[in-house]
Amino acid sequence: MELINNAPNVPAAVGPYSQAVRSGSLLFCSGQIPINPATGKIEVQDVEGQARQVLSNIEALLQSQGSNFRRVVKATVFLKEMADFPKVNPIFEMAFGGHKPARSTVAAAGLPLGALIEIEVIVELS
């Protein structure tokens, strides 16, 4: 098992956990919230902009491990408001470029740092 804690262009973890853990051929990515890795802050206030930042963070994490969205086998999306589901779906679809991993979407009473969205993924590396 390999812990990933310093992937470039990925926000540092906001708690006592790793950005991702590689176990065998699987990469388990911790949930990403819309932190701008350059500033360490959530800068965008609308769910669409936050979704784009989250997906950008995930893409940077995947690239740091030689992977991409097409290798994602499972995604879990946490939304502060389930009413934002139709706003996030097209952004998610665009990021994944037609690839459709298994996915769950859950309404969460609260997310870290007041985020509106958090996404975690599991990736098949080889």
C-alpha atoms as a PDB file:
ATOM      1  CA  MET A   1       0.000   0.000   0.000  1.00  0.00           C
ATOM      2  CA  GLU A   2       1.277   3.464  -0.930  1.00  0.00           C
ATOM      3  CA  LEU A   3       0.019   6.711   0.602  1.00  0.00           C
ATOM      4  CA  ILE A   4      -0.094   9.745  -1.700  1.00  0.00           C
ATOM      5  CA  ASN A   5       0.168  13.024   0.200  1.00  0.00           C
ATOM      6  CA  ASN A   6       2.003  15.564  -1.954  1.00  0.00           C
ATOM      7  CA  ALA A   7       0.552  15.323  -5.450  1.00  0.00           C
ATOM      8  CA  PRO A   8       1.384  18.501  -7.414  1.00  0.00           C
ATOM      9  CA  ASN A   9      -1.454  20.943  -8.144  1.00  0.00           C
ATOM     10  CA  VAL A  10      -3.747  19.147  -5.678  1.00  0.00           C
ATOM     11  CA  PRO A  11      -4.914  20.810  -2.460  1.00  0.00           C
ATOM     12  CA  ALA A  12      -3.386  19.422   0.717  1.00  0.00           C
ATOM     13  CA  ALA A  13      -5.684  17.296   2.850  1.00  0.00           C
ATOM     14  CA  VAL A  14      -7.680  19.351   5.366  1.00  0.00           C
ATOM     15  CA  GLY A  15      -7.453  16.618   7.988  1.00  0.00           C
ATOM     16  CA  PRO A  16      -5.509  13.542   9.054  1.00  0.00           C
ATOM     17  CA  TYR A  17      -5.841  11.577   5.814  1.00  0.00           C
ATOM     18  CA  SER A  18      -4.000  11.038   2.532  1.00  0.00           C
ATOM     19  CA  GLN A  19      -4.943  12.581  -0.813  1.00  0.00           C
ATOM     20  CA  ALA A  20      -5.114   9.025  -2.126  1.00  0.00           C
ATOM     21  CA  VAL A  21      -4.042   5.482  -1.335  1.00  0.00           C
ATOM     22  CA  ARG A  22      -2.738   3.055  -3.927  1.00  0.00           C
ATOM     23  CA  SER A  23      -3.486  -0.576  -3.097  1.00  0.00           C
ATOM     24  CA  GLY A  24      -2.575  -3.121  -5.753  1.00  0.00           C
ATOM     25  CA  SER A  25      -4.043  -1.914  -9.033  1.00  0.00           C
ATOM     26  CA  LEU A  26      -6.575   0.385  -7.350  1.00  0.00           C
ATOM     27  CA  LEU A  27      -6.268   4.044  -6.424  1.00  0.00           C
ATOM     28  CA  PHE A  28      -8.678   5.258  -3.747  1.00  0.00           C
ATOM     29  CA  CYS A  29      -8.893   9.056  -3.965  1.00  0.00           C
ATOM     30  CA  SER A  30     -10.120  10.956  -0.934  1.00  0.00           C
ATOM     31  CA  GLY A  31     -13.001  13.329  -1.477  1.00  0.00           C
ATOM     32  CA  GLN A  32     -11.991  16.565  -3.155  1.00  0.00           C
ATOM     33  CA  ILE A  33     -13.682  19.832  -2.309  1.00  0.00           C
ATOM     34  CA  PRO A  34     -13.354  23.011  -4.419  1.00  0.00           C
ATOM     35  CA  ILE A  35     -10.143  24.336  -2.895  1.00  0.00           C
ATOM     36  CA  ASN A  36      -7.937  26.249  -5.298  1.00  0.00           C
ATOM     37  CA  PRO A  37      -4.557  24.531  -4.804  1.00  0.00           C
ATOM     38  CA  ALA A  38      -2.701  27.800  -5.482  1.00  0.00           C
ATOM     39  CA  THR A  39      -4.399  29.671  -2.625  1.00  0.00           C
ATOM     40  CA  GLY A  40      -5.660  26.893  -0.335  1.00  0.00           C
ATOM     41  CA  LYS A  41      -9.103  28.509  -0.276  1.00  0.00           C
ATOM     42  CA  ILE A  42     -12.560  27.953  -1.720  1.00  0.00           C
ATOM     43  CA  GLU A  43     -12.882  30.897  -4.088  1.00  0.00           C
ATOM     44  CA  VAL A  44     -15.940  30.036  -6.180  1.00  0.00           C
ATOM     45  CA  GLN A  45     -19.349  30.310  -4.539  1.00  0.00           C
ATOM     46  CA  ASP A  46     -21.704  28.709  -7.102  1.00  0.00           C
ATOM     47  CA  VAL A  47     -22.074  24.934  -7.405  1.00  0.00           C
ATOM     48  CA  GLU A  48     -21.125  24.894 -11.094  1.00  0.00           C
ATOM     49  CA  GLY A  49     -17.815  26.650 -10.467  1.00  0.00           C
ATOM     50  CA  GLN A  50     -17.175  24.486  -7.427  1.00  0.00           C
ATOM     51  CA  ALA A  51     -17.857  21.326  -9.466  1.00  0.00           C
ATOM     52  CA  ARG A  52     -15.329  22.454 -12.082  1.00  0.00           C
ATOM     53  CA  GLN A  53     -12.689  23.117  -9.396  1.00  0.00           C
ATOM     54  CA  VAL A  54     -13.323  19.732  -7.747  1.00  0.00           C
ATOM     55  CA  LEU A  55     -12.983  17.932 -11.080  1.00  0.00           C
ATOM     56  CA  SER A  56      -9.823  19.890 -11.874  1.00  0.00           C
ATOM     57  CA  ASN A  57      -8.370  18.803  -8.521  1.00  0.00           C
ATOM     58  CA  ILE A  58      -9.288  15.176  -9.230  1.00  0.00           C
ATOM     59  CA  GLU A  59      -7.778  15.379 -12.704  1.00  0.00           C
ATOM     60  CA  ALA A  60      -4.494  16.698 -11.249  1.00  0.00           C
ATOM     61  CA  LEU A  61      -4.464  13.876  -8.695  1.00  0.00           C
ATOM     62  CA  LEU A  62      -5.115  11.254 -11.372  1.00  0.00           C
ATOM     63  CA  GLN A  63      -2.432  12.725 -13.651  1.00  0.00           C
ATOM     64  CA  SER A  64       0.080  12.632 -10.790  1.00  0.00           C
ATOM     65  CA  GLN A  65      -0.448   8.871 -10.743  1.00  0.00           C
ATOM     66  CA  GLY A  66      -0.294   8.430 -14.523  1.00  0.00           C
ATOM     67  CA  SER A  67      -4.051   8.049 -14.853  1.00  0.00           C
ATOM     68  CA  ASN A  68      -7.128   9.921 -16.099  1.00  0.00           C
ATOM     69  CA  PHE A  69     -10.920  10.047 -15.845  1.00  0.00           C
ATOM     70  CA  ARG A  70     -11.326   7.109 -18.247  1.00  0.00           C
ATOM     71  CA  ARG A  71      -9.821   4.811 -15.591  1.00  0.00           C
ATOM     72  CA  VAL A  72     -12.364   5.793 -12.905  1.00  0.00           C
ATOM     73  CA  VAL A  73     -14.532   2.814 -11.992  1.00  0.00           C
ATOM     74  CA  LYS A  74     -16.616   4.429  -9.216  1.00  0.00           C
ATOM     75  CA  ALA A  75     -17.421   8.007  -8.245  1.00  0.00           C
ATOM     76  CA  THR A  76     -19.349   9.294  -5.267  1.00  0.00           C
ATOM     77  CA  VAL A  77     -20.728  12.832  -5.424  1.00  0.00           C
ATOM     78  CA  PHE A  78     -21.774  14.588  -2.229  1.00  0.00           C
ATOM     79  CA  LEU A  79     -24.011  17.637  -2.648  1.00  0.00           C
ATOM     80  CA  LYS A  80     -25.116  20.093   0.003  1.00  0.00           C
ATOM     81  CA  GLU A  81     -28.383  20.452  -1.942  1.00  0.00           C
ATOM     82  CA  MET A  82     -29.802  17.635  -4.077  1.00  0.00           C
ATOM     83  CA  ALA A  83     -31.514  20.369  -6.111  1.00  0.00           C
ATOM     84  CA  ASP A  84     -28.041  21.051  -7.580  1.00  0.00           C
ATOM     85  CA  PHE A  85     -27.978  17.582  -9.203  1.00  0.00           C
ATOM     86  CA  PRO A  86     -29.085  18.845 -12.670  1.00  0.00           C
ATOM     87  CA  LYS A  87     -26.494  21.659 -12.518  1.00  0.00           C
ATOM     88  CA  VAL A  88     -23.613  19.299 -11.714  1.00  0.00           C
ATOM     89  CA  ASN A  89     -24.495  16.460 -14.111  1.00  0.00           C
ATOM     90  CA  PRO A  90     -23.426  18.182 -17.374  1.00  0.00           C
ATOM     91  CA  ILE A  91     -20.143  19.351 -15.799  1.00  0.00           C
ATOM     92  CA  PHE A  92     -19.436  15.822 -14.566  1.00  0.00           C
ATOM     93  CA  GLU A  93     -20.317  14.392 -17.981  1.00  0.00           C
ATOM     94  CA  MET A  94     -18.040  16.865 -19.785  1.00  0.00           C
ATOM     95  CA  ALA A  95     -15.090  16.082 -17.501  1.00  0.00           C
ATOM     96  CA  PHE A  96     -15.499  12.349 -18.040  1.00  0.00           C
ATOM     97  CA  GLY A  97     -15.759  12.749 -21.822  1.00  0.00           C
ATOM     98  CA  GLY A  98     -18.395  10.105 -22.386  1.00  0.00           C
ATOM     99  CA  HIS A  99     -16.896   7.616 -19.911  1.00  0.00           C
ATOM    100  CA  LYS A 100     -19.611   6.581 -17.454  1.00  0.00           C
ATOM    101  CA  PRO A 101     -18.255   5.071 -14.238  1.00  0.00           C
ATOM    102  CA  ALA A 102     -20.538   3.643 -11.584  1.00  0.00           C
ATOM    103  CA  ARG A 103     -21.731   6.586  -9.475  1.00  0.00           C
ATOM    104  CA  SER A 104     -23.678   7.462  -6.376  1.00  0.00           C
ATOM    105  CA  THR A 105     -24.912  10.937  -5.504  1.00  0.00           C
ATOM    106  CA  VAL A 106     -25.771  11.741  -1.912  1.00  0.00           C
ATOM    107  CA  ALA A 107     -27.174  14.838  -0.233  1.00  0.00           C
ATOM    108  CA  ALA A 108     -24.954  15.761   2.725  1.00  0.00           C
ATOM    109  CA  ALA A 109     -26.082  17.969   5.602  1.00  0.00           C
ATOM    110  CA  GLY A 110     -22.685  19.658   5.600  1.00  0.00           C
ATOM    111  CA  LEU A 111     -19.374  19.421   3.769  1.00  0.00           C
ATOM    112  CA  PRO A 112     -15.871  20.529   4.838  1.00  0.00           C
ATOM    113  CA  LEU A 113     -15.156  24.263   4.797  1.00  0.00           C
ATOM    114  CA  GLY A 114     -18.744  25.001   3.715  1.00  0.00           C
ATOM    115  CA  ALA A 115     -18.288  23.442   0.264  1.00  0.00           C
ATOM    116  CA  LEU A 116     -21.354  22.809  -1.882  1.00  0.00           C
ATOM    117  CA  ILE A 117     -19.886  19.660  -3.482  1.00  0.00           C
ATOM    118  CA  GLU A 118     -17.333  16.934  -2.793  1.00  0.00           C
ATOM    119  CA  ILE A 119     -16.381  14.073  -5.097  1.00  0.00           C
ATOM    120  CA  GLU A 120     -14.361  10.925  -4.403  1.00  0.00           C
ATOM    121  CA  VAL A 121     -13.269   8.354  -6.972  1.00  0.00           C
ATOM    122  CA  ILE A 122     -11.838   4.857  -7.214  1.00  0.00           C
ATOM    123  CA  VAL A 123      -9.527   4.204 -10.171  1.00  0.00           C
ATOM    124  CA  GLU A 124      -8.231   1.037 -11.843  1.00  0.00           C
ATOM    125  CA  LEU A 125      -4.566   1.744 -12.561  1.00  0.00           C
ATOM    126  CA  SER A 126      -3.616  -1.312 -14.572  1.00  0.00           C
END
